[in-house]
Amino acid sequence: MNRVQLALNVTDVDAAVDFYTKLFRTEPAKRRPGYANFAVDEPALKLVLIESNAGGTLNHLGVEVGSTDDVSAASSRLVEDGLQTSVEDNVTCCYALQDKVWVTDPDGAPWEVYTVLADADQMA
């Protein structure tokens, strides 16, 4: 399943988990110190919470896809459309091993198209 990702900086991950659990009526899919993520079915959303002093701000946006082939296809399409990309293969991010491609919107918001390859014990 493809889903939009929204990664937020939060000042208190426990309070944020409590709030978003109630808002989306679902428990976190992953919980680590200073980090949580939700795989929400309805609406199709990957919500990532990263504890930071910059609470209430956007960390990054993304689209979770099903495979490395999907990431490669997105990367090719973005390059063909004239966008600058940055590819990261087998990178540890958000307690997961991932393949991804990054682009930045005109206002500087970072977007990633990514797939999770495996769980990881480290944030980055």
Protein backbone atom coordinates (compact mmCIF):
# COMPACT_ATOMS: atom_id res chain seq x y z
CA MET A 1 0.00 0.00 0.00
CA ASN A 2 1.29 3.46 -0.87
CA ARG A 3 0.60 6.12 1.72
CA VAL A 4 1.57 9.74 2.32
CA GLN A 5 4.04 10.31 5.13
CA LEU A 6 3.99 13.29 7.46
CA ALA A 7 6.97 13.60 9.83
CA LEU A 8 6.47 16.09 12.65
CA ASN A 9 8.83 17.46 15.26
CA VAL A 10 7.21 17.21 18.71
CA THR A 11 8.44 18.45 22.08
CA ASP A 12 6.94 15.52 24.04
CA VAL A 13 6.66 12.26 22.12
CA ASP A 14 4.56 10.62 24.88
CA ALA A 15 1.96 13.39 24.80
CA ALA A 16 1.95 13.35 21.00
CA VAL A 17 1.48 9.56 20.91
CA ASP A 18 -1.45 9.89 23.30
CA PHE A 19 -3.04 12.60 21.14
CA TYR A 20 -2.54 10.87 17.77
CA THR A 21 -3.65 7.49 19.15
CA LYS A 22 -6.94 9.13 20.03
CA LEU A 23 -7.17 11.18 16.83
CA PHE A 24 -6.63 8.22 14.48
CA ARG A 25 -7.93 5.48 16.83
CA THR A 26 -4.83 3.39 16.29
CA GLU A 27 -1.74 2.48 18.29
CA PRO A 28 1.78 3.29 17.06
CA ALA A 29 3.32 0.78 14.68
CA LYS A 30 6.78 1.52 16.12
CA ARG A 31 7.88 3.12 19.38
CA ARG A 32 11.47 4.00 20.35
CA PRO A 33 13.01 6.62 22.65
CA GLY A 34 12.08 10.03 21.23
CA TYR A 35 10.35 8.45 18.23
CA ALA A 36 7.06 6.90 17.18
CA ASN A 37 5.31 6.13 13.94
CA PHE A 38 1.76 5.25 13.05
CA ALA A 39 0.62 3.27 9.99
CA VAL A 40 -2.89 4.68 9.70
CA ASP A 41 -5.26 2.82 7.37
CA GLU A 42 -7.93 5.50 7.06
CA PRO A 43 -6.84 7.95 5.81
CA ALA A 44 -3.81 6.14 4.33
CA LEU A 45 -1.08 7.92 6.29
CA LYS A 46 2.32 7.19 7.78
CA LEU A 47 2.62 9.62 10.69
CA VAL A 48 6.12 9.96 12.14
CA LEU A 49 6.78 11.77 15.42
CA ILE A 50 10.34 12.89 16.21
CA GLU A 51 11.04 14.41 19.61
CA SER A 52 12.81 17.76 19.15
CA ASN A 53 13.05 21.22 20.65
CA ALA A 54 11.47 22.44 17.40
CA GLY A 55 8.08 21.01 18.37
CA GLY A 56 5.11 21.85 16.18
CA THR A 57 7.16 22.11 13.02
CA LEU A 58 7.43 20.00 9.93
CA ASN A 59 10.36 17.60 9.80
CA HIS A 60 9.73 16.20 6.31
CA LEU A 61 7.09 14.71 4.04
CA GLY A 62 7.11 11.50 2.10
CA VAL A 63 5.39 8.75 0.19
CA GLU A 64 5.89 5.20 1.43
CA VAL A 65 5.93 2.69 -1.45
CA GLY A 66 6.01 -1.07 -1.57
CA SER A 67 9.42 -1.88 -3.00
CA THR A 68 12.86 -0.72 -4.10
CA ASP A 69 11.60 -1.01 -7.69
CA ASP A 70 8.90 1.55 -6.83
CA VAL A 71 11.57 3.89 -5.41
CA SER A 72 13.68 3.47 -8.57
CA ALA A 73 10.67 4.16 -10.79
CA ALA A 74 9.84 7.30 -8.80
CA SER A 75 13.46 8.45 -9.00
CA SER A 76 13.53 7.98 -12.79
CA ARG A 77 10.22 9.80 -13.21
CA LEU A 78 11.35 12.74 -11.05
CA VAL A 79 14.62 13.10 -12.97
CA GLU A 80 12.76 12.89 -16.30
CA ASP A 81 10.49 15.67 -15.05
CA GLY A 82 13.54 17.87 -14.43
CA LEU A 83 13.67 17.70 -10.64
CA GLN A 84 16.92 17.43 -8.70
CA THR A 85 17.03 14.23 -6.69
CA SER A 86 19.21 12.67 -4.04
CA VAL A 87 19.17 8.86 -3.82
CA GLU A 88 19.96 6.98 -0.62
CA ASP A 89 20.17 3.19 -0.73
CA ASN A 90 20.38 0.95 2.33
CA VAL A 91 20.31 3.93 4.69
CA THR A 92 19.23 3.72 8.33
CA CYS A 93 16.57 6.28 9.13
CA CYS A 94 13.74 6.38 11.64
CA TYR A 95 14.67 2.98 13.12
CA ALA A 96 14.44 1.30 9.71
CA LEU A 97 16.73 0.31 6.86
CA GLN A 98 15.40 2.09 3.75
CA ASP A 99 15.93 2.85 0.09
CA LYS A 100 14.77 6.36 -0.82
CA VAL A 101 14.94 9.29 -3.16
CA TRP A 102 14.64 12.90 -1.97
CA VAL A 103 13.33 16.02 -3.71
CA THR A 104 12.66 19.50 -2.34
CA ASP A 105 9.58 21.57 -3.15
CA PRO A 106 9.89 25.24 -4.25
CA ASP A 107 9.49 26.45 -0.66
CA GLY A 108 12.16 24.11 0.70
CA ALA A 109 9.97 21.31 2.09
CA PRO A 110 11.84 18.00 1.82
CA TRP A 111 9.93 15.05 0.30
CA GLU A 112 11.08 11.44 0.23
CA VAL A 113 9.77 8.47 -1.71
CA TYR A 114 10.91 5.44 0.28
CA THR A 115 10.50 1.78 1.09
CA VAL A 116 11.33 0.03 4.34
CA LEU A 117 13.70 -2.91 3.88
CA ALA A 118 14.05 -3.99 7.53
CA ASP A 119 13.73 -2.83 11.11
CA ALA A 120 16.78 -1.16 12.70
CA ASP A 121 17.92 -0.51 16.27
CA GLN A 122 19.10 3.05 15.54
CA MET A 123 17.34 6.28 14.59
CA ALA A 124 19.96 7.16 11.96
